[in-house]
Amino acid sequence: MQTKEFERHLGSFVKLLKKEKNYLIKDDGESLTDLLPEKEGFVEILKEYQGDVSEKAHELITEIKAQQEENLLLTRQAISYQNMLMGAVKKNLSSPAGTYSKSAQVYAQPRTNFVDEEI
């Protein structure tokens, strides 16, 4: 593979990472999983290249590294949000639900649970 072809592949990889960033922001997990085979294809290209690394290739590699770090940060943020949400749901389910009357007495309400009916 020649240097120009390698630079073209690096540019395509940058575009793919930006697409991944947009999917992460939109919380589009299905589209993210569709990108995985494309990302895996670039691993072999990057691993097999034996030629000289031009200045443009260095710039693209730096951009790839920065985009990967940003995507990793977005992924961690999404996981943190999901964990926080699940913790809040779990806490809500474990505490008794009730309402207060004007005289400050607590009246118990029937529990409302989230049920996944697709199972």
PDB file of N, CA and C in Angstrom:
ATOM      1  N   MET A   1       0.849  -1.173   0.000  1.00  0.00           N
ATOM      2  CA  MET A   1       0.000   0.000   0.000  1.00  0.00           C
ATOM      3  C   MET A   1       0.898   1.240   0.000  1.00  0.00           C
ATOM      4  N   GLN A   2       0.540   2.200  -0.799  1.00  0.00           N
ATOM      5  CA  GLN A   2       1.327   3.420  -0.900  1.00  0.00           C
ATOM      6  C   GLN A   2       0.844   4.457   0.110  1.00  0.00           C
ATOM      7  N   THR A   3       1.651   5.490   0.287  1.00  0.00           N
ATOM      8  CA  THR A   3       1.370   6.521   1.285  1.00  0.00           C
ATOM      9  C   THR A   3       0.045   7.221   1.021  1.00  0.00           C
ATOM     10  N   LYS A   4      -0.239   7.574  -0.216  1.00  0.00           N
ATOM     11  CA  LYS A   4      -1.486   8.275  -0.542  1.00  0.00           C
ATOM     12  C   LYS A   4      -2.706   7.412  -0.223  1.00  0.00           C
ATOM     13  N   GLU A   5      -2.609   6.141  -0.526  1.00  0.00           N
ATOM     14  CA  GLU A   5      -3.721   5.233  -0.232  1.00  0.00           C
ATOM     15  C   GLU A   5      -3.922   5.108   1.289  1.00  0.00           C
ATOM     16  N   PHE A   6      -2.805   5.044   2.019  1.00  0.00           N
ATOM     17  CA  PHE A   6      -2.879   4.975   3.483  1.00  0.00           C
ATOM     18  C   PHE A   6      -3.537   6.237   4.052  1.00  0.00           C
ATOM     19  N   GLU A   7      -3.162   7.401   3.516  1.00  0.00           N
ATOM     20  CA  GLU A   7      -3.758   8.665   3.953  1.00  0.00           C
ATOM     21  C   GLU A   7      -5.260   8.684   3.652  1.00  0.00           C
ATOM     22  N   ARG A   8      -5.653   8.121   2.511  1.00  0.00           N
ATOM     23  CA  ARG A   8      -7.064   8.059   2.155  1.00  0.00           C
ATOM     24  C   ARG A   8      -7.825   7.186   3.158  1.00  0.00           C
ATOM     25  N   HIS A   9      -7.233   6.069   3.543  1.00  0.00           N
ATOM     26  CA  HIS A   9      -7.864   5.194   4.532  1.00  0.00           C
ATOM     27  C   HIS A   9      -7.976   5.901   5.893  1.00  0.00           C
ATOM     28  N   LEU A  10      -6.939   6.633   6.252  1.00  0.00           N
ATOM     29  CA  LEU A  10      -6.984   7.375   7.519  1.00  0.00           C
ATOM     30  C   LEU A  10      -8.099   8.419   7.500  1.00  0.00           C
ATOM     31  N   GLY A  11      -8.235   9.107   6.376  1.00  0.00           N
ATOM     32  CA  GLY A  11      -9.315  10.097   6.235  1.00  0.00           C
ATOM     33  C   GLY A  11     -10.687   9.454   6.347  1.00  0.00           C
ATOM     34  N   SER A  12     -10.845   8.278   5.750  1.00  0.00           N
ATOM     35  CA  SER A  12     -12.115   7.550   5.846  1.00  0.00           C
ATOM     36  C   SER A  12     -12.387   7.128   7.284  1.00  0.00           C
ATOM     37  N   PHE A  13     -11.328   6.766   8.002  1.00  0.00           N
ATOM     38  CA  PHE A  13     -11.481   6.363   9.397  1.00  0.00           C
ATOM     39  C   PHE A  13     -11.910   7.551  10.261  1.00  0.00           C
ATOM     40  N   VAL A  14     -11.366   8.727   9.984  1.00  0.00           N
ATOM     41  CA  VAL A  14     -11.773   9.941  10.705  1.00  0.00           C
ATOM     42  C   VAL A  14     -13.260  10.197  10.484  1.00  0.00           C
ATOM     43  N   LYS A  15     -13.715  10.078   9.240  1.00  0.00           N
ATOM     44  CA  LYS A  15     -15.141  10.278   8.940  1.00  0.00           C
ATOM     45  C   LYS A  15     -16.006   9.262   9.681  1.00  0.00           C
ATOM     46  N   LEU A  16     -15.551   8.026   9.746  1.00  0.00           N
ATOM     47  CA  LEU A  16     -16.291   6.986  10.452  1.00  0.00           C
ATOM     48  C   LEU A  16     -16.382   7.304  11.947  1.00  0.00           C
ATOM     49  N   LEU A  17     -15.290   7.796  12.524  1.00  0.00           N
ATOM     50  CA  LEU A  17     -15.296   8.147  13.946  1.00  0.00           C
ATOM     51  C   LEU A  17     -16.219   9.325  14.231  1.00  0.00           C
ATOM     52  N   LYS A  18     -16.303  10.258  13.301  1.00  0.00           N
ATOM     53  CA  LYS A  18     -17.228  11.386  13.486  1.00  0.00           C
ATOM     54  C   LYS A  18     -18.676  10.913  13.390  1.00  0.00           C
ATOM     55  N   LYS A  19     -18.916   9.952  12.518  1.00  0.00           N
ATOM     56  CA  LYS A  19     -20.257   9.368  12.421  1.00  0.00           C
ATOM     57  C   LYS A  19     -20.594   8.652  13.735  1.00  0.00           C
ATOM     58  N   GLU A  20     -19.603   7.946  14.283  1.00  0.00           N
ATOM     59  CA  GLU A  20     -19.785   7.265  15.565  1.00  0.00           C
ATOM     60  C   GLU A  20     -20.106   8.273  16.672  1.00  0.00           C
ATOM     61  N   LYS A  21     -19.432   9.411  16.661  1.00  0.00           N
ATOM     62  CA  LYS A  21     -19.683  10.466  17.648  1.00  0.00           C
ATOM     63  C   LYS A  21     -21.139  10.931  17.572  1.00  0.00           C
ATOM     64  N   ASN A  22     -21.624  11.153  16.368  1.00  0.00           N
ATOM     65  CA  ASN A  22     -23.016  11.593  16.195  1.00  0.00           C
ATOM     66  C   ASN A  22     -23.996  10.546  16.715  1.00  0.00           C
ATOM     67  N   TYR A  23     -23.721   9.281  16.463  1.00  0.00           N
ATOM     68  CA  TYR A  23     -24.587   8.220  16.977  1.00  0.00           C
ATOM     69  C   TYR A  23     -24.545   8.172  18.505  1.00  0.00           C
ATOM     70  N   LEU A  24     -23.371   8.398  19.085  1.00  0.00           N
ATOM     71  CA  LEU A  24     -23.258   8.421  20.542  1.00  0.00           C
ATOM     72  C   LEU A  24     -24.064   9.571  21.132  1.00  0.00           C
ATOM     73  N   ILE A  25     -23.993  10.720  20.501  1.00  0.00           N
ATOM     74  CA  ILE A  25     -24.735  11.889  20.991  1.00  0.00           C
ATOM     75  C   ILE A  25     -26.238  11.638  20.892  1.00  0.00           C
ATOM     76  N   LYS A  26     -26.664  11.005  19.805  1.00  0.00           N
ATOM     77  CA  LYS A  26     -28.090  10.738  19.593  1.00  0.00           C
ATOM     78  C   LYS A  26     -28.571   9.495  20.348  1.00  0.00           C
ATOM     79  N   ASP A  27     -27.654   8.796  21.023  1.00  0.00           N
ATOM     80  CA  ASP A  27     -27.967   7.566  21.756  1.00  0.00           C
ATOM     81  C   ASP A  27     -28.606   6.535  20.824  1.00  0.00           C
ATOM     82  N   ASP A  28     -28.003   6.370  19.659  1.00  0.00           N
ATOM     83  CA  ASP A  28     -28.494   5.440  18.641  1.00  0.00           C
ATOM     84  C   ASP A  28     -27.633   4.176  18.661  1.00  0.00           C
ATOM     85  N   GLY A  29     -27.937   3.292  19.611  1.00  0.00           N
ATOM     86  CA  GLY A  29     -27.152   2.081  19.797  1.00  0.00           C
ATOM     87  C   GLY A  29     -27.178   1.134  18.612  1.00  0.00           C
ATOM     88  N   GLU A  30     -28.300   1.067  17.932  1.00  0.00           N
ATOM     89  CA  GLU A  30     -28.413   0.158  16.795  1.00  0.00           C
ATOM     90  C   GLU A  30     -27.459   0.568  15.671  1.00  0.00           C
ATOM     91  N   SER A  31     -27.394   1.848  15.388  1.00  0.00           N
ATOM     92  CA  SER A  31     -26.484   2.330  14.345  1.00  0.00           C
ATOM     93  C   SER A  31     -25.028   2.165  14.773  1.00  0.00           C
ATOM     94  N   LEU A  32     -24.772   2.299  16.074  1.00  0.00           N
ATOM     95  CA  LEU A  32     -23.410   2.102  16.573  1.00  0.00           C
ATOM     96  C   LEU A  32     -22.929   0.678  16.322  1.00  0.00           C
ATOM     97  N   THR A  33     -23.799  -0.283  16.579  1.00  0.00           N
ATOM     98  CA  THR A  33     -23.397  -1.674  16.352  1.00  0.00           C
ATOM     99  C   THR A  33     -23.196  -1.959  14.868  1.00  0.00           C
ATOM    100  N   ASP A  34     -23.898  -1.239  14.012  1.00  0.00           N
ATOM    101  CA  ASP A  34     -23.701  -1.405  12.574  1.00  0.00           C
ATOM    102  C   ASP A  34     -22.327  -0.893  12.121  1.00  0.00           C
ATOM    103  N   LEU A  35     -21.750   0.044  12.884  1.00  0.00           N
ATOM    104  CA  LEU A  35     -20.431   0.595  12.537  1.00  0.00           C
ATOM    105  C   LEU A  35     -19.277  -0.325  12.923  1.00  0.00           C
ATOM    106  N   LEU A  36     -19.507  -1.252  13.840  1.00  0.00           N
ATOM    107  CA  LEU A  36     -18.413  -2.093  14.328  1.00  0.00           C
ATOM    108  C   LEU A  36     -17.678  -2.860  13.228  1.00  0.00           C
ATOM    109  N   PRO A  37     -18.375  -3.508  12.309  1.00  0.00           N
ATOM    110  CA  PRO A  37     -17.630  -4.216  11.249  1.00  0.00           C
ATOM    111  C   PRO A  37     -16.758  -3.268  10.412  1.00  0.00           C
ATOM    112  N   GLU A  38     -17.244  -2.054  10.182  1.00  0.00           N
ATOM    113  CA  GLU A  38     -16.451  -1.081   9.427  1.00  0.00           C
ATOM    114  C   GLU A  38     -15.186  -0.703  10.190  1.00  0.00           C
ATOM    115  N   LYS A  39     -15.323  -0.484  11.504  1.00  0.00           N
ATOM    116  CA  LYS A  39     -14.151  -0.142  12.318  1.00  0.00           C
ATOM    117  C   LYS A  39     -13.152  -1.291  12.341  1.00  0.00           C
ATOM    118  N   GLU A  40     -13.654  -2.512  12.427  1.00  0.00           N
ATOM    119  CA  GLU A  40     -12.764  -3.673  12.443  1.00  0.00           C
ATOM    120  C   GLU A  40     -11.977  -3.789  11.148  1.00  0.00           C
ATOM    121  N   GLY A  41     -12.579  -3.387  10.040  1.00  0.00           N
ATOM    122  CA  GLY A  41     -11.885  -3.421   8.755  1.00  0.00           C
ATOM    123  C   GLY A  41     -10.673  -2.496   8.724  1.00  0.00           C
ATOM    124  N   PHE A  42     -10.754  -1.392   9.432  1.00  0.00           N
ATOM    125  CA  PHE A  42      -9.630  -0.458   9.462  1.00  0.00           C
ATOM    126  C   PHE A  42      -8.473  -0.966  10.316  1.00  0.00           C
ATOM    127  N   VAL A  43      -8.739  -1.852  11.255  1.00  0.00           N
ATOM    128  CA  VAL A  43      -7.678  -2.384  12.114  1.00  0.00           C
ATOM    129  C   VAL A  43      -6.625  -3.090  11.275  1.00  0.00           C
ATOM    130  N   GLU A  44      -7.060  -3.921  10.356  1.00  0.00           N
ATOM    131  CA  GLU A  44      -6.124  -4.645   9.501  1.00  0.00           C
ATOM    132  C   GLU A  44      -5.314  -3.696   8.616  1.00  0.00           C
ATOM    133  N   ILE A  45      -5.977  -2.695   8.071  1.00  0.00           N
ATOM    134  CA  ILE A  45      -5.289  -1.725   7.208  1.00  0.00           C
ATOM    135  C   ILE A  45      -4.192  -1.010   7.994  1.00  0.00           C
ATOM    136  N   LEU A  46      -4.519  -0.575   9.199  1.00  0.00           N
ATOM    137  CA  LEU A  46      -3.550   0.151  10.018  1.00  0.00           C
ATOM    138  C   LEU A  46      -2.418  -0.760  10.481  1.00  0.00           C
ATOM    139  N   LYS A  47      -2.739  -2.007  10.745  1.00  0.00           N
ATOM    140  CA  LYS A  47      -1.734  -2.942  11.232  1.00  0.00           C
ATOM    141  C   LYS A  47      -0.754  -3.353  10.139  1.00  0.00           C
ATOM    142  N   GLU A  48      -1.241  -3.473   8.912  1.00  0.00           N
ATOM    143  CA  GLU A  48      -0.425  -3.991   7.819  1.00  0.00           C
ATOM    144  C   GLU A  48       0.449  -2.935   7.139  1.00  0.00           C
ATOM    145  N   TYR A  49       0.171  -1.665   7.339  1.00  0.00           N
ATOM    146  CA  TYR A  49       0.926  -0.628   6.628  1.00  0.00           C
ATOM    147  C   TYR A  49       2.374  -0.604   7.099  1.00  0.00           C
ATOM    148  N   GLN A  50       3.312  -0.679   6.152  1.00  0.00           N
ATOM    149  CA  GLN A  50       4.733  -0.712   6.456  1.00  0.00           C
ATOM    150  C   GLN A  50       5.505   0.478   5.889  1.00  0.00           C
ATOM    151  N   GLY A  51       4.839   1.360   5.155  1.00  0.00           N
ATOM    152  CA  GLY A  51       5.521   2.464   4.488  1.00  0.00           C
ATOM    153  C   GLY A  51       5.843   3.624   5.420  1.00  0.00           C
ATOM    154  N   ASP A  52       6.344   4.680   4.821  1.00  0.00           N
ATOM    155  CA  ASP A  52       6.670   5.892   5.565  1.00  0.00           C
ATOM    156  C   ASP A  52       5.382   6.611   5.965  1.00  0.00           C
ATOM    157  N   VAL A  53       5.448   7.288   7.100  1.00  0.00           N
ATOM    158  CA  VAL A  53       4.298   8.048   7.591  1.00  0.00           C
ATOM    159  C   VAL A  53       4.565   9.517   7.288  1.00  0.00           C
ATOM    160  N   SER A  54       3.762  10.073   6.398  1.00  0.00           N
ATOM    161  CA  SER A  54       3.934  11.462   5.972  1.00  0.00           C
ATOM    162  C   SER A  54       3.419  12.419   7.044  1.00  0.00           C
ATOM    163  N   GLU A  55       3.659  13.702   6.803  1.00  0.00           N
ATOM    164  CA  GLU A  55       3.172  14.739   7.730  1.00  0.00           C
ATOM    165  C   GLU A  55       1.646  14.740   7.778  1.00  0.00           C
ATOM    166  N   LYS A  56       1.023  14.581   6.615  1.00  0.00           N
ATOM    167  CA  LYS A  56      -0.439  14.535   6.572  1.00  0.00           C
ATOM    168  C   LYS A  56      -0.967  13.330   7.340  1.00  0.00           C
ATOM    169  N   ALA A  57      -0.292  12.189   7.211  1.00  0.00           N
ATOM    170  CA  ALA A  57      -0.702  10.987   7.938  1.00  0.00           C
ATOM    171  C   ALA A  57      -0.576  11.203   9.446  1.00  0.00           C
ATOM    172  N   HIS A  58       0.487  11.889   9.874  1.00  0.00           N
ATOM    173  CA  HIS A  58       0.655  12.215  11.305  1.00  0.00           C
ATOM    174  C   HIS A  58      -0.509  13.067  11.804  1.00  0.00           C
ATOM    175  N   GLU A  59      -0.902  14.044  11.001  1.00  0.00           N
ATOM    176  CA  GLU A  59      -2.027  14.912  11.379  1.00  0.00           C
ATOM    177  C   GLU A  59      -3.320  14.103  11.491  1.00  0.00           C
ATOM    178  N   LEU A  60      -3.538  13.210  10.533  1.00  0.00           N
ATOM    179  CA  LEU A  60      -4.744  12.381  10.558  1.00  0.00           C
ATOM    180  C   LEU A  60      -4.729  11.426  11.760  1.00  0.00           C
ATOM    181  N   ILE A  61      -3.578  10.876  12.069  1.00  0.00           N
ATOM    182  CA  ILE A  61      -3.458   9.976  13.219  1.00  0.00           C
ATOM    183  C   ILE A  61      -3.733  10.731  14.519  1.00  0.00           C
ATOM    184  N   THR A  62      -3.239  11.965  14.613  1.00  0.00           N
ATOM    185  CA  THR A  62      -3.519  12.793  15.783  1.00  0.00           C
ATOM    186  C   THR A  62      -5.011  13.086  15.886  1.00  0.00           C
ATOM    187  N   GLU A  63      -5.646  13.370  14.756  1.00  0.00           N
ATOM    188  CA  GLU A  63      -7.085  13.626  14.742  1.00  0.00           C
ATOM    189  C   GLU A  63      -7.864  12.363  15.130  1.00  0.00           C
ATOM    190  N   ILE A  64      -7.411  11.203  14.667  1.00  0.00           N
ATOM    191  CA  ILE A  64      -8.052   9.930  15.017  1.00  0.00           C
ATOM    192  C   ILE A  64      -7.956   9.698  16.523  1.00  0.00           C
ATOM    193  N   LYS A  65      -6.784   9.937  17.070  1.00  0.00           N
ATOM    194  CA  LYS A  65      -6.596   9.735  18.513  1.00  0.00           C
ATOM    195  C   LYS A  65      -7.522  10.649  19.320  1.00  0.00           C
ATOM    196  N   ALA A  66      -7.600  11.905  18.932  1.00  0.00           N
ATOM    197  CA  ALA A  66      -8.458  12.860  19.643  1.00  0.00           C
ATOM    198  C   ALA A  66      -9.934  12.458  19.522  1.00  0.00           C
ATOM    199  N   GLN A  67     -10.347  12.026  18.334  1.00  0.00           N
ATOM    200  CA  GLN A  67     -11.746  11.623  18.126  1.00  0.00           C
ATOM    201  C   GLN A  67     -12.068  10.366  18.908  1.00  0.00           C
ATOM    202  N   GLN A  68     -11.132   9.423  18.965  1.00  0.00           N
ATOM    203  CA  GLN A  68     -11.338   8.202  19.743  1.00  0.00           C
ATOM    204  C   GLN A  68     -11.501   8.533  21.228  1.00  0.00           C
ATOM    205  N   GLU A  69     -10.691   9.452  21.733  1.00  0.00           N
ATOM    206  CA  GLU A  69     -10.787   9.848  23.140  1.00  0.00           C
ATOM    207  C   GLU A  69     -12.127  10.530  23.423  1.00  0.00           C
ATOM    208  N   GLU A  70     -12.577  11.368  22.492  1.00  0.00           N
ATOM    209  CA  GLU A  70     -13.866  12.039  22.660  1.00  0.00           C
ATOM    210  C   GLU A  70     -15.016  11.017  22.639  1.00  0.00           C
ATOM    211  N   ASN A  71     -14.947  10.054  21.733  1.00  0.00           N
ATOM    212  CA  ASN A  71     -15.972   9.018  21.657  1.00  0.00           C
ATOM    213  C   ASN A  71     -15.975   8.149  22.920  1.00  0.00           C
ATOM    214  N   LEU A  72     -14.786   7.873  23.448  1.00  0.00           N
ATOM    215  CA  LEU A  72     -14.696   7.110  24.685  1.00  0.00           C
ATOM    216  C   LEU A  72     -15.328   7.877  25.841  1.00  0.00           C
ATOM    217  N   LEU A  73     -15.081   9.176  25.890  1.00  0.00           N
ATOM    218  CA  LEU A  73     -15.681  10.015  26.927  1.00  0.00           C
ATOM    219  C   LEU A  73     -17.208  10.021  26.810  1.00  0.00           C
ATOM    220  N   LEU A  74     -17.725  10.134  25.599  1.00  0.00           N
ATOM    221  CA  LEU A  74     -19.177  10.094  25.388  1.00  0.00           C
ATOM    222  C   LEU A  74     -19.760   8.744  25.792  1.00  0.00           C
ATOM    223  N   THR A  75     -19.041   7.666  25.506  1.00  0.00           N
ATOM    224  CA  THR A  75     -19.494   6.331  25.892  1.00  0.00           C
ATOM    225  C   THR A  75     -19.543   6.207  27.404  1.00  0.00           C
ATOM    226  N   ARG A  76     -18.502   6.662  28.078  1.00  0.00           N
ATOM    227  CA  ARG A  76     -18.475   6.609  29.548  1.00  0.00           C
ATOM    228  C   ARG A  76     -19.597   7.455  30.149  1.00  0.00           C
ATOM    229  N   GLN A  77     -19.853   8.593  29.556  1.00  0.00           N
ATOM    230  CA  GLN A  77     -20.920   9.466  30.037  1.00  0.00           C
ATOM    231  C   GLN A  77     -22.280   8.775  29.888  1.00  0.00           C
ATOM    232  N   ALA A  78     -22.501   8.107  28.768  1.00  0.00           N
ATOM    233  CA  ALA A  78     -23.763   7.399  28.547  1.00  0.00           C
ATOM    234  C   ALA A  78     -23.925   6.258  29.543  1.00  0.00           C
ATOM    235  N   ILE A  79     -22.857   5.526  29.801  1.00  0.00           N
ATOM    236  CA  ILE A  79     -22.913   4.430  30.778  1.00  0.00           C
ATOM    237  C   ILE A  79     -23.190   4.974  32.170  1.00  0.00           C
ATOM    238  N   SER A  80     -22.546   6.070  32.526  1.00  0.00           N
ATOM    239  CA  SER A  80     -22.771   6.690  33.830  1.00  0.00           C
ATOM    240  C   SER A  80     -24.218   7.126  33.984  1.00  0.00           C
ATOM    241  N   TYR A  81     -24.773   7.722  32.942  1.00  0.00           N
ATOM    242  CA  TYR A  81     -26.169   8.155  32.975  1.00  0.00           C
ATOM    243  C   TYR A  81     -27.098   6.954  33.156  1.00  0.00           C
ATOM    244  N   GLN A  82     -26.839   5.881  32.417  1.00  0.00           N
ATOM    245  CA  GLN A  82     -27.681   4.687  32.523  1.00  0.00           C
ATOM    246  C   GLN A  82     -27.598   4.093  33.932  1.00  0.00           C
ATOM    247  N   ASN A  83     -26.394   4.062  34.508  1.00  0.00           N
ATOM    248  CA  ASN A  83     -26.238   3.550  35.869  1.00  0.00           C
ATOM    249  C   ASN A  83     -26.986   4.415  36.871  1.00  0.00           C
ATOM    250  N   MET A  84     -26.915   5.729  36.713  1.00  0.00           N
ATOM    251  CA  MET A  84     -27.619   6.643  37.605  1.00  0.00           C
ATOM    252  C   MET A  84     -29.125   6.450  37.480  1.00  0.00           C
ATOM    253  N   LEU A  85     -29.603   6.312  36.260  1.00  0.00           N
ATOM    254  CA  LEU A  85     -31.027   6.109  36.024  1.00  0.00           C
ATOM    255  C   LEU A  85     -31.506   4.796  36.636  1.00  0.00           C
ATOM    256  N   MET A  86     -30.748   3.740  36.441  1.00  0.00           N
ATOM    257  CA  MET A  86     -31.125   2.453  37.015  1.00  0.00           C
ATOM    258  C   MET A  86     -31.078   2.498  38.545  1.00  0.00           C
ATOM    259  N   GLY A  87     -30.134   3.215  39.117  1.00  0.00           N
ATOM    260  CA  GLY A  87     -30.075   3.380  40.564  1.00  0.00           C
ATOM    261  C   GLY A  87     -31.294   4.104  41.096  1.00  0.00           C
ATOM    262  N   ALA A  88     -31.729   5.130  40.380  1.00  0.00           N
ATOM    263  CA  ALA A  88     -32.915   5.884  40.791  1.00  0.00           C
ATOM    264  C   ALA A  88     -34.171   5.020  40.701  1.00  0.00           C
ATOM    265  N   VAL A  89     -34.281   4.232  39.656  1.00  0.00           N
ATOM    266  CA  VAL A  89     -35.427   3.336  39.507  1.00  0.00           C
ATOM    267  C   VAL A  89     -35.415   2.294  40.620  1.00  0.00           C
ATOM    268  N   LYS A  90     -34.238   1.736  40.880  1.00  0.00           N
ATOM    269  CA  LYS A  90     -34.113   0.720  41.927  1.00  0.00           C
ATOM    270  C   LYS A  90     -34.484   1.299  43.291  1.00  0.00           C
ATOM    271  N   LYS A  91     -34.019   2.499  43.570  1.00  0.00           N
ATOM    272  CA  LYS A  91     -34.329   3.154  44.839  1.00  0.00           C
ATOM    273  C   LYS A  91     -35.832   3.406  44.951  1.00  0.00           C
ATOM    274  N   ASN A  92     -36.446   3.843  43.872  1.00  0.00           N
ATOM    275  CA  ASN A  92     -37.886   4.102  43.859  1.00  0.00           C
ATOM    276  C   ASN A  92     -38.675   2.823  44.106  1.00  0.00           C
ATOM    277  N   LEU A  93     -38.219   1.732  43.552  1.00  0.00           N
ATOM    278  CA  LEU A  93     -38.932   0.462  43.727  1.00  0.00           C
ATOM    279  C   LEU A  93     -38.768  -0.108  45.133  1.00  0.00           C
ATOM    280  N   SER A  94     -37.649   0.210  45.788  1.00  0.00           N
ATOM    281  CA  SER A  94     -37.411  -0.354  47.114  1.00  0.00           C
ATOM    282  C   SER A  94     -38.064   0.449  48.234  1.00  0.00           C
ATOM    283  N   SER A  95     -38.417   1.696  47.999  1.00  0.00           N
ATOM    284  CA  SER A  95     -39.044   2.496  49.047  1.00  0.00           C
ATOM    285  C   SER A  95     -40.560   2.467  48.874  1.00  0.00           C
ATOM    286  N   PRO A  96     -41.306   2.473  50.004  1.00  0.00           N
ATOM    287  CA  PRO A  96     -42.763   2.452  49.880  1.00  0.00           C
ATOM    288  C   PRO A  96     -43.285   3.762  49.315  1.00  0.00           C
ATOM    289  N   ALA A  97     -44.263   3.629  48.465  1.00  0.00           N
ATOM    290  CA  ALA A  97     -44.872   4.820  47.878  1.00  0.00           C
ATOM    291  C   ALA A  97     -46.022   5.266  48.772  1.00  0.00           C
ATOM    292  N   GLY A  98     -46.220   6.558  48.918  1.00  0.00           N
ATOM    293  CA  GLY A  98     -47.313   7.047  49.740  1.00  0.00           C
ATOM    294  C   GLY A  98     -47.624   8.492  49.425  1.00  0.00           C
ATOM    295  N   THR A  99     -48.753   8.929  49.876  1.00  0.00           N
ATOM    296  CA  THR A  99     -49.133  10.324  49.723  1.00  0.00           C
ATOM    297  C   THR A  99     -49.462  10.883  51.089  1.00  0.00           C
ATOM    298  N   TYR A 100     -49.487  12.181  51.198  1.00  0.00           N
ATOM    299  CA  TYR A 100     -49.752  12.843  52.462  1.00  0.00           C
ATOM    300  C   TYR A 100     -51.106  13.544  52.405  1.00  0.00           C
ATOM    301  N   SER A 101     -51.841  13.471  53.534  1.00  0.00           N
ATOM    302  CA  SER A 101     -53.107  14.188  53.634  1.00  0.00           C
ATOM    303  C   SER A 101     -52.841  15.562  54.231  1.00  0.00           C
ATOM    304  N   LYS A 102     -53.863  16.364  54.307  1.00  0.00           N
ATOM    305  CA  LYS A 102     -53.724  17.698  54.904  1.00  0.00           C
ATOM    306  C   LYS A 102     -53.319  17.621  56.366  1.00  0.00           C
ATOM    307  N   SER A 103     -53.679  16.540  57.021  1.00  0.00           N
ATOM    308  CA  SER A 103     -53.326  16.399  58.439  1.00  0.00           C
ATOM    309  C   SER A 103     -51.988  15.687  58.622  1.00  0.00           C
ATOM    310  N   ALA A 104     -51.190  15.558  57.573  1.00  0.00           N
ATOM    311  CA  ALA A 104     -49.839  15.002  57.589  1.00  0.00           C
ATOM    312  C   ALA A 104     -49.813  13.509  57.871  1.00  0.00           C
ATOM    313  N   GLN A 105     -50.887  12.799  57.564  1.00  0.00           N
ATOM    314  CA  GLN A 105     -50.881  11.349  57.686  1.00  0.00           C
ATOM    315  C   GLN A 105     -50.498  10.753  56.328  1.00  0.00           C
ATOM    316  N   VAL A 106     -49.764   9.656  56.387  1.00  0.00           N
ATOM    317  CA  VAL A 106     -49.311   8.996  55.162  1.00  0.00           C
ATOM    318  C   VAL A 106     -50.313   7.919  54.771  1.00  0.00           C
ATOM    319  N   TYR A 107     -50.775   7.982  53.545  1.00  0.00           N
ATOM    320  CA  TYR A 107     -51.658   6.954  53.003  1.00  0.00           C
ATOM    321  C   TYR A 107     -50.860   6.143  51.990  1.00  0.00           C
ATOM    322  N   ALA A 108     -50.787   4.866  52.220  1.00  0.00           N
ATOM    323  CA  ALA A 108     -50.025   3.990  51.322  1.00  0.00           C
ATOM    324  C   ALA A 108     -50.754   3.836  49.996  1.00  0.00           C
ATOM    325  N   GLN A 109     -49.963   3.824  48.932  1.00  0.00           N
ATOM    326  CA  GLN A 109     -50.509   3.598  47.592  1.00  0.00           C
ATOM    327  C   GLN A 109     -50.022   2.248  47.101  1.00  0.00           C
ATOM    328  N   PRO A 110     -50.772   1.650  46.211  1.00  0.00           N
ATOM    329  CA  PRO A 110     -50.263   0.402  45.637  1.00  0.00           C
ATOM    330  C   PRO A 110     -48.979   0.685  44.859  1.00  0.00           C
ATOM    331  N   ARG A 111     -48.078  -0.272  44.883  1.00  0.00           N
ATOM    332  CA  ARG A 111     -46.787  -0.101  44.207  1.00  0.00           C
ATOM    333  C   ARG A 111     -46.958  -0.155  42.701  1.00  0.00           C
ATOM    334  N   THR A 112     -46.218   0.679  42.049  1.00  0.00           N
ATOM    335  CA  THR A 112     -46.189   0.685  40.596  1.00  0.00           C
ATOM    336  C   THR A 112     -44.791   0.263  40.177  1.00  0.00           C
ATOM    337  N   ASN A 113     -44.686  -0.800  39.401  1.00  0.00           N
ATOM    338  CA  ASN A 113     -43.381  -1.313  38.970  1.00  0.00           C
ATOM    339  C   ASN A 113     -43.267  -1.227  37.461  1.00  0.00           C
ATOM    340  N   PHE A 114     -42.024  -1.127  37.015  1.00  0.00           N
ATOM    341  CA  PHE A 114     -41.754  -1.186  35.591  1.00  0.00           C
ATOM    342  C   PHE A 114     -41.675  -2.664  35.208  1.00  0.00           C
ATOM    343  N   VAL A 115     -42.409  -3.057  34.203  1.00  0.00           N
ATOM    344  CA  VAL A 115     -42.421  -4.435  33.774  1.00  0.00           C
ATOM    345  C   VAL A 115     -42.124  -4.480  32.282  1.00  0.00           C
ATOM    346  N   ASP A 116     -41.144  -5.302  31.927  1.00  0.00           N
ATOM    347  CA  ASP A 116     -40.815  -5.504  30.522  1.00  0.00           C
ATOM    348  C   ASP A 116     -41.662  -6.671  30.024  1.00  0.00           C
ATOM    349  N   GLU A 117     -42.670  -6.367  29.246  1.00  0.00           N
ATOM    350  CA  GLU A 117     -43.611  -7.388  28.796  1.00  0.00           C
ATOM    351  C   GLU A 117     -43.128  -8.116  27.547  1.00  0.00           C
ATOM    352  N   GLU A 118     -41.984  -7.748  27.012  1.00  0.00           N
ATOM    353  CA  GLU A 118     -41.501  -8.379  25.792  1.00  0.00           C
ATOM    354  C   GLU A 118     -40.766  -9.687  26.065  1.00  0.00           C
ATOM    355  N   ILE A 119     -40.511 -10.006  27.294  1.00  0.00           N
ATOM    356  CA  ILE A 119     -39.729 -11.205  27.623  1.00  0.00           C
ATOM    357  C   ILE A 119     -40.493 -12.449  27.343  1.00  0.00           C
TER     358      ILE A 119
END
